[in-house]
Amino acid sequence: MTSDEFKHSLKTHQEKGFFRNLKIFRGIERESLRVTQEGKISQDNHPKNLGSPLTSKDITTDFAEALVELVTPTFESPKDLFEHLSLLHKFLYSQMGKEILWNFSMPCAFQSEQEIKIAEYGQSNSGMLKHIYRKGLRLRYGSIMQCVSGIHYNFSISKESWNLLCDNPDQEFINNKYLGTIRNIKRNFWFLLERLGASPITHESYLLNRKHSLVKHGDNDLFLPNATSLRMSDVGYQSSVQNALKINYNNLDEFIDAVIKGIKTSVKNFEDIGLHDKQGIPQQISTGILQIENELYDTVRPKRSGPSGSRPATLLKNQGIEYLELRGIDINPFIPEGIDENKIKLLDIFIMHSLISKSPQVSDKEIEEIRANQKMMVENGRSKDINLEQNGVSVPITELKKTFHEELFQVATAMDEYCPGYSNALSVEMSLDLLPSEKIMNEMESQNLSFQEYGLIQSKKIAMKESSSSDDDFLKFIHNAKKSMEDLNNLNENAGIDINKYVELYNSKI
């Protein structure tokens, strides 16, 4: 898309009153490892006073019992979203005793995989299914890789907002607009990797028994000299076998078909693992490229909410796209919540730029180009001299940034009509002296600290800031936690069906 085309699109949206009458819904899922005061992964179960991880609206677990996930509702205001996340974060700290959160995307040091306890969700069939899925992840990729933490940003706009772009927009129109937004997000994801990347280094135990191209930093760490986000690199939360799916987001039916193909296409390595262990206990949901839809690792995914037990692919097929899940965001270790209000606004601006810009369909060649650009940025993004590929042409990053930054400022100014403060937030973000990845490396090296030492010191600083709130602030979270335990006890799903039959029934729904 040329600069003139972008200006025309922006002007058209402004003339239609799109920004002035815009309504955005946004929510956050934030992951973090619980660790001891010594910086070791917690061996304690998920605290019961946080509620049931299966039924809680606020705090659940991800792969590991020690990997907590904070989940916010959706908010129309960036300020309200951040304030809710901040209060939820303080509530979590109030219930953790002496434990703290490891406030980094790359995990703490490990002695072995056996330190990591897979998350438990009770004895209901839906809870057991979640546990089996995680057993499969452990066997496929190892437990340590699954302990990487990040932030997922959920974004949608209202039906009324779509009405400003099309008379009586149907779901197909909305699907196509969201898919176009996804394609542009992926095209320009290099920008977020540079601005928000905060994982340039890791403890060597993270790559225990895994091949890699990282280099030594000190005695116990591995890094790349100009890396921004190892979390999003080949050694991060990735699966090379999924590349065979060639998902392009050109068409919703094609996307769904590709995901279903991934679930139904058996892989020899996963067949060798087997669906059951030697005792006959389930240890994978399937032997497919994907056990379930959520195993698709990508920077952004189309989503549709639905009742517990629903297949995401079926929901998308029957009801269409409801929102986008932007997943490739590192935890900022200098912010207690991992993200602040300005960065929320930065994400809004970035996504809105992707939504209003022309978005041609993606070819197989461009898929490879996008992957190459991501690899270049995560491995070398702090260098000022790199080039990225654009339509088969190698372009200096300085040129790309100049044009893209100008366009983002134009979007931010337009979004001030929707909610004042966007252009100011962008100015603040773009004027930072150091990017998070740069600040991490500078502080580590100036203080002569290892990643484990630095990570523990920084995480303890955050913990001290979060220890001052009273229970009166947390009444709604305390209520929700108690209710989630009641909901867990009242579960009576598929009574009389054993877990093997339940897994079979679940697989038959796709």
Protein backbone atom coordinates (compact mmCIF):
# COMPACT_ATOMS: atom_id res chain seq x y z
CA MET A 1 0.00 0.00 0.00
CA THR A 2 1.46 3.33 -1.03
CA SER A 3 1.51 6.36 1.21
CA ASP A 4 -1.04 8.13 -1.02
CA GLU A 5 -3.36 5.11 -0.86
CA PHE A 6 -3.08 5.12 2.92
CA LYS A 7 -3.86 8.85 3.14
CA HIS A 8 -6.90 8.34 0.92
CA SER A 9 -8.16 5.45 3.07
CA LEU A 10 -7.63 7.44 6.27
CA LYS A 11 -9.46 10.46 4.84
CA THR A 12 -12.36 8.26 3.68
CA HIS A 13 -12.76 6.75 7.15
CA GLN A 14 -12.65 10.21 8.72
CA GLU A 15 -15.28 11.59 6.36
CA LYS A 16 -17.59 8.70 7.24
CA GLY A 17 -17.25 9.61 10.92
CA PHE A 18 -15.60 6.28 11.64
CA PHE A 19 -13.16 7.50 14.28
CA ARG A 20 -15.54 10.01 15.85
CA ASN A 21 -18.14 7.28 16.42
CA LEU A 22 -15.77 4.36 16.93
CA LYS A 23 -16.38 1.83 19.71
CA ILE A 24 -13.56 -0.59 20.57
CA PHE A 25 -13.75 -3.56 22.93
CA ARG A 26 -10.44 -4.77 24.34
CA GLY A 27 -9.25 -7.26 26.93
CA ILE A 28 -5.98 -8.76 28.16
CA GLU A 29 -4.68 -12.18 29.17
CA ARG A 30 -1.40 -11.89 31.03
CA GLU A 31 0.79 -14.91 31.95
CA SER A 32 3.48 -15.14 34.61
CA LEU A 33 5.42 -17.81 36.51
CA ARG A 34 5.13 -18.08 40.29
CA VAL A 35 8.59 -18.40 41.79
CA THR A 36 10.15 -18.65 45.27
CA GLN A 37 12.16 -15.90 46.93
CA GLU A 38 15.23 -17.70 45.56
CA GLY A 39 13.95 -17.48 41.99
CA LYS A 40 13.00 -21.14 41.57
CA ILE A 41 9.72 -22.22 39.98
CA SER A 42 7.07 -22.82 42.62
CA GLN A 43 6.35 -26.40 43.59
CA ASP A 44 3.08 -25.43 45.26
CA ASN A 45 -0.28 -25.99 43.63
CA HIS A 46 -2.32 -23.09 42.32
CA PRO A 47 -3.53 -21.24 45.47
CA LYS A 48 -7.10 -22.28 46.30
CA ASN A 49 -7.96 -18.76 47.45
CA LEU A 50 -7.56 -17.66 43.83
CA GLY A 51 -10.46 -19.89 42.87
CA SER A 52 -10.69 -22.80 40.48
CA PRO A 53 -8.49 -22.43 37.37
CA LEU A 54 -11.15 -24.32 35.40
CA THR A 55 -14.08 -22.05 36.21
CA SER A 56 -12.54 -18.74 37.36
CA LYS A 57 -13.29 -15.60 35.34
CA ASP A 58 -10.24 -13.78 36.71
CA ILE A 59 -7.24 -16.01 37.32
CA THR A 60 -6.47 -19.37 35.77
CA THR A 61 -3.38 -21.38 34.88
CA ASP A 62 -1.75 -22.02 31.54
CA PHE A 63 0.58 -24.96 30.91
CA ALA A 64 2.05 -25.35 34.37
CA GLU A 65 0.54 -25.31 37.83
CA ALA A 66 2.90 -22.40 38.58
CA LEU A 67 2.06 -20.50 35.36
CA VAL A 68 -0.78 -18.16 36.29
CA GLU A 69 -2.88 -16.28 33.77
CA LEU A 70 -4.79 -13.09 34.59
CA VAL A 71 -7.89 -12.62 32.43
CA THR A 72 -9.75 -9.32 32.18
CA PRO A 73 -13.24 -8.70 30.87
CA THR A 74 -13.53 -6.45 27.82
CA PHE A 75 -13.50 -2.69 28.28
CA GLU A 76 -14.32 0.23 26.02
CA SER A 77 -11.71 2.43 27.70
CA PRO A 78 -7.92 1.74 27.71
CA LYS A 79 -7.75 3.43 31.12
CA ASP A 80 -10.46 1.19 32.59
CA LEU A 81 -8.78 -1.91 31.16
CA PHE A 82 -5.43 -1.04 32.65
CA GLU A 83 -6.89 -0.15 36.04
CA HIS A 84 -8.73 -3.48 36.19
CA LEU A 85 -5.60 -5.40 35.20
CA SER A 86 -3.59 -3.51 37.80
CA LEU A 87 -6.08 -4.26 40.58
CA LEU A 88 -6.29 -7.92 39.56
CA HIS A 89 -2.50 -8.08 39.63
CA LYS A 90 -2.45 -6.63 43.16
CA PHE A 91 -5.11 -9.15 44.23
CA LEU A 92 -2.98 -12.00 42.93
CA TYR A 93 -0.04 -10.75 44.98
CA SER A 94 -2.20 -10.46 48.07
CA GLN A 95 -2.94 -14.20 47.88
CA MET A 96 0.53 -15.56 47.06
CA GLY A 97 2.22 -15.51 50.44
CA LYS A 98 5.99 -15.23 50.08
CA GLU A 99 6.02 -16.21 46.40
CA ILE A 100 6.56 -13.61 43.69
CA LEU A 101 5.91 -13.40 39.97
CA TRP A 102 8.80 -13.79 37.54
CA ASN A 103 8.19 -10.57 35.59
CA PHE A 104 9.86 -11.66 32.34
CA SER A 105 8.75 -13.56 29.25
CA MET A 106 11.73 -15.96 29.30
CA PRO A 107 11.49 -18.19 32.36
CA CYS A 108 13.71 -18.55 35.41
CA ALA A 109 16.52 -21.10 35.57
CA PHE A 110 15.56 -24.79 35.76
CA GLN A 111 17.42 -27.81 37.06
CA SER A 112 15.30 -30.22 35.04
CA GLU A 113 11.96 -30.65 33.27
CA GLN A 114 10.71 -32.56 36.31
CA GLU A 115 10.49 -29.33 38.32
CA ILE A 116 7.55 -28.24 36.20
CA LYS A 117 4.18 -29.60 37.33
CA ILE A 118 1.53 -29.70 34.62
CA ALA A 119 -1.59 -27.73 35.50
CA GLU A 120 -4.45 -29.67 37.11
CA TYR A 121 -8.12 -28.78 36.63
CA GLY A 122 -9.95 -31.30 38.77
CA GLN A 123 -11.64 -34.58 37.89
CA SER A 124 -14.41 -33.34 35.60
CA ASN A 125 -14.10 -34.47 32.01
CA SER A 126 -13.50 -30.93 30.73
CA GLY A 127 -10.81 -30.46 33.38
CA MET A 128 -9.17 -33.77 32.51
CA LEU A 129 -9.23 -32.85 28.81
CA LYS A 130 -7.27 -29.65 29.53
CA HIS A 131 -4.75 -31.68 31.54
CA ILE A 132 -4.33 -34.31 28.80
CA TYR A 133 -3.77 -31.57 26.24
CA ARG A 134 -0.92 -30.23 28.37
CA LYS A 135 0.56 -33.70 28.78
CA GLY A 136 0.63 -33.85 25.00
CA LEU A 137 2.40 -30.48 24.79
CA ARG A 138 5.02 -31.72 27.25
CA LEU A 139 5.68 -34.85 25.22
CA ARG A 140 5.76 -32.94 21.91
CA TYR A 141 7.82 -29.90 22.84
CA GLY A 142 9.09 -30.30 26.39
CA SER A 143 7.82 -28.56 29.52
CA ILE A 144 10.39 -25.78 29.63
CA MET A 145 9.32 -24.24 26.30
CA GLN A 146 5.75 -24.12 27.60
CA CYS A 147 6.82 -21.90 30.51
CA VAL A 148 7.44 -18.89 28.30
CA SER A 149 5.10 -16.06 29.33
CA GLY A 150 3.45 -13.30 27.34
CA ILE A 151 0.47 -11.04 26.89
CA HIS A 152 -2.52 -11.67 24.64
CA TYR A 153 -4.47 -8.62 23.53
CA ASN A 154 -8.07 -9.21 22.46
CA PHE A 155 -9.54 -6.60 20.13
CA SER A 156 -12.85 -6.01 18.38
CA ILE A 157 -15.04 -3.15 17.22
CA SER A 158 -18.79 -2.84 17.64
CA LYS A 159 -21.48 -3.64 15.08
CA GLU A 160 -22.29 0.08 15.07
CA SER A 161 -18.71 0.82 14.04
CA TRP A 162 -18.94 -1.62 11.12
CA ASN A 163 -22.15 0.17 10.10
CA LEU A 164 -20.07 3.28 9.43
CA LEU A 165 -18.13 1.38 6.77
CA CYS A 166 -20.95 -0.53 5.15
CA ASP A 167 -24.75 -0.32 5.02
CA ASN A 168 -26.11 -3.30 6.96
CA PRO A 169 -22.80 -5.19 7.17
CA ASP A 170 -23.28 -8.94 7.33
CA GLN A 171 -20.99 -11.41 9.07
CA GLU A 172 -19.14 -12.16 5.83
CA PHE A 173 -18.20 -8.46 5.52
CA ILE A 174 -17.00 -8.44 9.14
CA ASN A 175 -15.05 -11.70 8.63
CA ASN A 176 -13.28 -10.28 5.60
CA LYS A 177 -12.39 -7.02 7.37
CA TYR A 178 -10.95 -8.90 10.33
CA LEU A 179 -8.99 -11.22 8.04
CA GLY A 180 -7.61 -8.23 6.15
CA THR A 181 -6.60 -6.75 9.49
CA ILE A 182 -4.81 -9.99 10.42
CA ARG A 183 -2.86 -10.00 7.14
CA ASN A 184 -1.69 -6.43 7.73
CA ILE A 185 -0.82 -7.16 11.38
CA LYS A 186 1.44 -9.96 10.19
CA ARG A 187 2.97 -7.79 7.45
CA ASN A 188 3.93 -5.09 9.94
CA PHE A 189 4.56 -7.22 13.00
CA TRP A 190 8.23 -6.27 12.83
CA PHE A 191 7.20 -2.94 14.37
CA LEU A 192 5.78 -4.55 17.54
CA LEU A 193 8.76 -6.87 17.81
CA GLU A 194 11.06 -3.86 17.83
CA ARG A 195 8.96 -1.64 20.15
CA LEU A 196 7.66 -4.25 22.61
CA GLY A 197 10.24 -7.05 22.34
CA ALA A 198 11.63 -7.69 25.83
CA SER A 199 13.30 -11.10 25.72
CA PRO A 200 16.81 -10.69 24.23
CA ILE A 201 18.46 -13.21 26.57
CA THR A 202 17.67 -16.44 28.43
CA HIS A 203 19.21 -18.78 30.96
CA GLU A 204 20.88 -21.73 29.23
CA SER A 205 18.57 -24.23 30.97
CA TYR A 206 15.73 -22.98 28.77
CA LEU A 207 17.39 -24.75 25.83
CA LEU A 208 18.24 -27.91 27.73
CA ASN A 209 18.85 -30.70 25.15
CA ARG A 210 17.63 -28.47 22.27
CA LYS A 211 19.55 -27.35 19.18
CA HIS A 212 19.96 -23.60 18.77
CA SER A 213 22.13 -20.86 17.26
CA LEU A 214 22.37 -18.60 20.32
CA VAL A 215 25.74 -17.59 21.74
CA LYS A 216 27.05 -17.58 25.30
CA HIS A 217 26.69 -14.49 27.47
CA GLY A 218 28.62 -14.92 30.68
CA ASP A 219 28.73 -18.35 32.28
CA ASN A 220 25.08 -19.42 32.20
CA ASP A 221 23.16 -17.34 29.67
CA LEU A 222 22.44 -17.48 25.95
CA PHE A 223 21.58 -14.53 23.72
CA LEU A 224 21.96 -12.87 20.34
CA PRO A 225 23.77 -9.50 20.38
CA ASN A 226 20.94 -7.59 18.66
CA ALA A 227 17.91 -9.70 19.57
CA THR A 228 14.59 -8.17 20.57
CA SER A 229 12.34 -11.14 21.35
CA LEU A 230 13.76 -14.66 21.67
CA ARG A 231 10.28 -15.64 22.79
CA MET A 232 9.11 -15.07 19.20
CA SER A 233 12.19 -16.65 17.59
CA ASP A 234 12.84 -20.22 16.42
CA VAL A 235 13.76 -21.16 20.01
CA GLY A 236 10.62 -19.59 21.45
CA TYR A 237 7.05 -20.74 21.64
CA GLN A 238 7.06 -22.25 18.17
CA SER A 239 6.31 -25.44 16.25
CA SER A 240 8.10 -25.95 12.92
CA VAL A 241 5.77 -28.83 11.98
CA GLN A 242 2.90 -26.30 11.78
CA ASN A 243 4.57 -24.51 8.84
CA ALA A 244 3.21 -27.24 6.58
CA LEU A 245 -0.32 -25.86 7.13
CA LYS A 246 0.53 -22.66 5.15
CA ILE A 247 -2.19 -20.65 6.83
CA ASN A 248 -2.67 -17.35 4.96
CA TYR A 249 -5.89 -15.79 6.38
CA ASN A 250 -7.17 -14.99 2.88
CA ASN A 251 -10.51 -16.66 3.44
CA LEU A 252 -12.27 -17.82 6.61
CA ASP A 253 -13.41 -21.16 5.21
CA GLU A 254 -9.88 -21.86 3.97
CA PHE A 255 -8.45 -20.93 7.38
CA ILE A 256 -10.88 -23.23 9.17
CA ASP A 257 -10.18 -26.05 6.69
CA ALA A 258 -6.43 -25.63 7.27
CA VAL A 259 -6.87 -25.81 11.05
CA ILE A 260 -9.09 -28.90 10.75
CA LYS A 261 -6.52 -30.45 8.41
CA GLY A 262 -3.90 -29.77 11.08
CA ILE A 263 -6.01 -31.58 13.68
CA LYS A 264 -6.77 -34.55 11.42
CA THR A 265 -3.33 -34.98 9.79
CA SER A 266 -1.41 -37.47 11.88
CA VAL A 267 2.33 -36.96 12.42
CA LYS A 268 4.73 -39.90 12.71
CA ASN A 269 6.61 -38.42 15.69
CA PHE A 270 3.36 -37.87 17.55
CA GLU A 271 2.12 -41.36 16.62
CA ASP A 272 5.29 -42.78 18.16
CA ILE A 273 4.45 -40.98 21.41
CA GLY A 274 1.05 -42.68 21.43
CA LEU A 275 -2.35 -41.59 22.70
CA HIS A 276 -1.91 -43.52 25.96
CA ASP A 277 0.98 -44.25 28.29
CA LYS A 278 2.02 -47.78 29.33
CA GLN A 279 -0.68 -47.78 32.01
CA GLY A 280 -3.35 -46.94 29.45
CA ILE A 281 -3.79 -43.36 30.73
CA PRO A 282 -4.47 -40.72 28.01
CA GLN A 283 -1.44 -38.53 27.27
CA GLN A 284 -2.48 -36.81 24.03
CA ILE A 285 -5.82 -35.73 22.62
CA SER A 286 -4.74 -36.77 19.13
CA THR A 287 -1.64 -37.49 17.02
CA GLY A 288 -2.41 -34.65 14.60
CA ILE A 289 -0.20 -31.66 13.80
CA LEU A 290 -2.53 -29.91 16.25
CA GLN A 291 -4.17 -31.70 19.15
CA ILE A 292 -6.76 -28.92 19.29
CA GLU A 293 -7.27 -25.53 17.65
CA ASN A 294 -5.44 -23.65 20.43
CA GLU A 295 -2.20 -25.44 19.59
CA LEU A 296 -1.91 -23.24 16.50
CA TYR A 297 1.03 -20.98 17.33
CA ASP A 298 0.73 -17.66 15.54
CA THR A 299 1.16 -13.98 16.29
CA VAL A 300 -2.56 -13.31 15.82
CA ARG A 301 -5.66 -15.52 15.60
CA PRO A 302 -9.35 -14.99 14.74
CA LYS A 303 -11.61 -15.94 17.64
CA ARG A 304 -15.23 -16.54 18.59
CA SER A 305 -16.37 -17.10 22.18
CA GLY A 306 -18.77 -19.90 23.03
CA PRO A 307 -19.94 -22.36 25.70
CA SER A 308 -17.46 -24.65 27.45
CA GLY A 309 -16.72 -27.74 25.35
CA SER A 310 -17.41 -26.02 22.02
CA ARG A 311 -14.90 -26.51 19.22
CA PRO A 312 -13.37 -23.13 18.24
CA ALA A 313 -13.30 -24.12 14.55
CA THR A 314 -17.02 -24.97 14.64
CA LEU A 315 -17.87 -21.68 16.37
CA LEU A 316 -15.94 -19.74 13.73
CA LYS A 317 -17.56 -21.67 10.90
CA ASN A 318 -21.11 -21.24 12.23
CA GLN A 319 -20.92 -17.72 13.69
CA GLY A 320 -17.88 -16.03 12.16
CA ILE A 321 -15.13 -13.92 13.70
CA GLU A 322 -16.01 -12.06 16.89
CA TYR A 323 -12.59 -10.64 17.84
CA LEU A 324 -8.85 -10.86 17.18
CA GLU A 325 -6.30 -12.27 19.62
CA LEU A 326 -2.91 -10.58 19.25
CA ARG A 327 -0.46 -12.97 20.93
CA GLY A 328 3.13 -11.94 20.17
CA ILE A 329 3.59 -9.41 23.00
CA ASP A 330 6.41 -9.80 25.51
CA ILE A 331 6.04 -8.93 29.18
CA ASN A 332 7.68 -5.59 29.90
CA PRO A 333 9.70 -6.34 33.07
CA PHE A 334 9.76 -2.67 34.12
CA ILE A 335 5.98 -2.50 34.48
CA PRO A 336 4.28 -4.52 37.29
CA GLU A 337 1.38 -5.51 35.02
CA GLY A 338 3.72 -6.24 32.08
CA ILE A 339 1.94 -3.61 29.99
CA ASP A 340 0.69 -0.08 30.67
CA GLU A 341 -1.99 2.25 29.33
CA ASN A 342 0.28 3.89 26.75
CA LYS A 343 1.24 0.53 25.28
CA ILE A 344 -2.42 -0.49 25.18
CA LYS A 345 -3.04 2.64 23.11
CA LEU A 346 -0.04 1.80 20.93
CA LEU A 347 -1.63 -1.58 20.18
CA ASP A 348 -4.95 0.10 19.37
CA ILE A 349 -3.21 2.45 16.91
CA PHE A 350 -1.29 -0.41 15.31
CA ILE A 351 -4.38 -2.59 14.90
CA MET A 352 -6.45 0.33 13.61
CA HIS A 353 -3.75 1.08 11.02
CA SER A 354 -4.01 -2.57 9.96
CA LEU A 355 -7.81 -2.37 9.78
CA ILE A 356 -8.14 0.74 7.61
CA SER A 357 -5.23 -0.04 5.25
CA LYS A 358 -5.62 -1.88 1.98
CA SER A 359 -4.92 -5.57 2.53
CA PRO A 360 -4.34 -7.70 -0.58
CA GLN A 361 -4.41 -11.45 -0.25
CA VAL A 362 -1.22 -13.18 0.84
CA SER A 363 0.68 -15.49 -1.51
CA ASP A 364 2.89 -18.42 -0.48
CA LYS A 365 5.86 -16.23 -1.39
CA GLU A 366 4.69 -13.45 0.92
CA ILE A 367 4.17 -15.95 3.76
CA GLU A 368 7.86 -16.81 3.50
CA GLU A 369 8.70 -13.10 3.32
CA ILE A 370 6.73 -12.40 6.53
CA ARG A 371 8.50 -15.28 8.30
CA ALA A 372 11.90 -14.02 7.13
CA ASN A 373 11.12 -10.49 8.38
CA GLN A 374 10.04 -11.81 11.75
CA LYS A 375 13.20 -13.88 12.04
CA MET A 376 15.33 -10.87 11.10
CA MET A 377 13.63 -8.61 13.63
CA VAL A 378 13.66 -11.02 16.58
CA GLU A 379 17.32 -11.90 16.00
CA ASN A 380 18.74 -8.55 14.84
CA GLY A 381 16.07 -5.93 15.58
CA ARG A 382 18.30 -3.74 17.77
CA SER A 383 20.67 -3.21 14.85
CA LYS A 384 20.15 0.00 12.87
CA ASP A 385 21.44 -1.51 9.62
CA ILE A 386 19.09 -4.38 8.85
CA ASN A 387 16.91 -4.74 5.76
CA LEU A 388 13.44 -6.26 5.53
CA GLU A 389 11.77 -7.79 2.50
CA GLN A 390 8.87 -5.89 0.92
CA ASN A 391 7.30 -7.38 -2.21
CA GLY A 392 10.55 -9.10 -3.13
CA VAL A 393 12.67 -6.00 -2.56
CA SER A 394 15.17 -5.61 0.28
CA VAL A 395 14.43 -2.29 2.02
CA PRO A 396 16.49 -0.63 4.79
CA ILE A 397 14.64 -0.68 8.11
CA THR A 398 15.21 3.06 8.47
CA GLU A 399 13.10 3.72 5.35
CA LEU A 400 10.31 1.41 6.47
CA LYS A 401 10.19 2.92 9.94
CA LYS A 402 10.06 6.49 8.64
CA THR A 403 6.99 5.81 6.48
CA PHE A 404 5.27 3.55 9.00
CA HIS A 405 5.80 5.90 11.92
CA GLU A 406 4.34 8.81 9.95
CA GLU A 407 1.25 6.75 9.14
CA LEU A 408 0.83 5.68 12.77
CA PHE A 409 0.89 9.31 13.90
CA GLN A 410 -1.81 10.11 11.36
CA VAL A 411 -3.94 7.26 12.73
CA ALA A 412 -3.28 8.37 16.31
CA THR A 413 -4.42 11.92 15.51
CA ALA A 414 -7.60 10.54 13.94
CA MET A 415 -8.19 8.33 16.99
CA ASP A 416 -8.04 11.38 19.25
CA GLU A 417 -11.55 12.05 17.86
CA TYR A 418 -12.60 8.73 19.41
CA CYS A 419 -10.72 9.14 22.69
CA PRO A 420 -8.27 12.00 23.44
CA GLY A 421 -4.72 10.97 24.28
CA TYR A 422 -3.75 8.61 21.48
CA SER A 423 -1.33 10.97 19.71
CA ASN A 424 0.26 11.88 23.06
CA ALA A 425 0.64 8.21 24.03
CA LEU A 426 2.29 7.45 20.70
CA SER A 427 4.66 10.42 21.08
CA VAL A 428 5.71 9.15 24.50
CA GLU A 429 6.26 5.61 23.23
CA MET A 430 8.23 6.70 20.17
CA SER A 431 10.47 9.04 22.16
CA LEU A 432 11.71 6.47 24.67
CA ASP A 433 15.48 6.58 25.08
CA LEU A 434 15.78 2.80 25.18
CA LEU A 435 13.61 -0.04 23.92
CA PRO A 436 12.81 -2.72 26.55
CA SER A 437 15.25 -5.20 24.99
CA GLU A 438 18.02 -2.56 25.04
CA LYS A 439 17.30 -1.54 28.63
CA ILE A 440 17.45 -5.16 29.83
CA MET A 441 20.85 -5.77 28.25
CA ASN A 442 22.27 -2.39 29.34
CA GLU A 443 21.26 -2.91 32.97
CA MET A 444 22.47 -6.51 33.08
CA GLU A 445 25.86 -5.61 31.62
CA SER A 446 26.38 -2.40 33.61
CA GLN A 447 25.64 -4.27 36.85
CA ASN A 448 27.51 -7.43 35.76
CA LEU A 449 24.50 -9.62 36.48
CA SER A 450 23.37 -12.89 34.95
CA PHE A 451 19.84 -13.16 33.61
CA GLN A 452 18.76 -15.21 36.63
CA GLU A 453 20.25 -12.66 39.07
CA TYR A 454 18.84 -9.68 37.20
CA GLY A 455 15.44 -11.33 36.73
CA LEU A 456 15.11 -12.05 40.44
CA ILE A 457 16.17 -8.54 41.50
CA GLN A 458 13.77 -6.88 39.06
CA SER A 459 10.90 -9.23 39.94
CA LYS A 460 11.39 -8.53 43.66
CA LYS A 461 11.27 -4.77 42.98
CA ILE A 462 7.88 -5.27 41.33
CA ALA A 463 6.67 -7.47 44.19
CA MET A 464 7.48 -4.78 46.76
CA LYS A 465 5.39 -2.25 44.81
CA GLU A 466 2.40 -4.59 44.80
CA SER A 467 2.18 -5.33 48.53
CA SER A 468 0.29 -2.29 49.77
CA SER A 469 -3.40 -2.78 48.85
CA SER A 470 -6.15 -3.84 51.26
CA ASP A 471 -8.75 -6.60 50.95
CA ASP A 472 -11.47 -3.98 50.60
CA ASP A 473 -10.22 -3.30 47.08
CA PHE A 474 -10.53 -6.96 46.16
CA LEU A 475 -14.08 -7.84 47.22
CA LYS A 476 -15.27 -8.63 43.69
CA PHE A 477 -12.28 -10.89 43.05
CA ILE A 478 -12.75 -12.68 46.37
CA HIS A 479 -16.42 -13.21 45.50
CA ASN A 480 -15.55 -14.50 42.02
CA ALA A 481 -12.95 -16.89 43.44
CA LYS A 482 -15.48 -18.40 45.88
CA LYS A 483 -18.09 -18.68 43.13
CA SER A 484 -15.63 -20.44 40.83
CA MET A 485 -15.11 -23.12 43.50
CA GLU A 486 -18.88 -23.54 43.80
CA ASP A 487 -19.16 -23.79 40.01
CA LEU A 488 -16.46 -26.45 39.99
CA ASN A 489 -18.29 -28.50 42.63
CA ASN A 490 -21.55 -28.19 40.70
CA LEU A 491 -20.12 -29.47 37.43
CA ASN A 492 -21.98 -32.57 36.31
CA GLU A 493 -21.02 -32.82 32.70
CA ASN A 494 -21.37 -36.06 30.81
CA ALA A 495 -21.95 -38.09 33.95
CA GLY A 496 -21.12 -41.77 33.47
CA ILE A 497 -18.82 -41.18 30.49
CA ASP A 498 -15.19 -42.08 31.13
CA ILE A 499 -12.40 -39.81 29.94
CA ASN A 500 -11.48 -41.98 26.94
CA LYS A 501 -15.04 -41.81 25.63
CA TYR A 502 -15.15 -38.07 26.39
CA VAL A 503 -11.99 -37.46 24.33
CA GLU A 504 -13.47 -39.55 21.51
CA LEU A 505 -16.68 -37.49 21.60
CA TYR A 506 -14.69 -34.24 21.65
CA ASN A 507 -12.68 -35.30 18.61
CA SER A 508 -15.85 -36.29 16.77
CA LYS A 509 -17.13 -32.69 16.99
CA ILE A 510 -14.58 -31.45 14.45
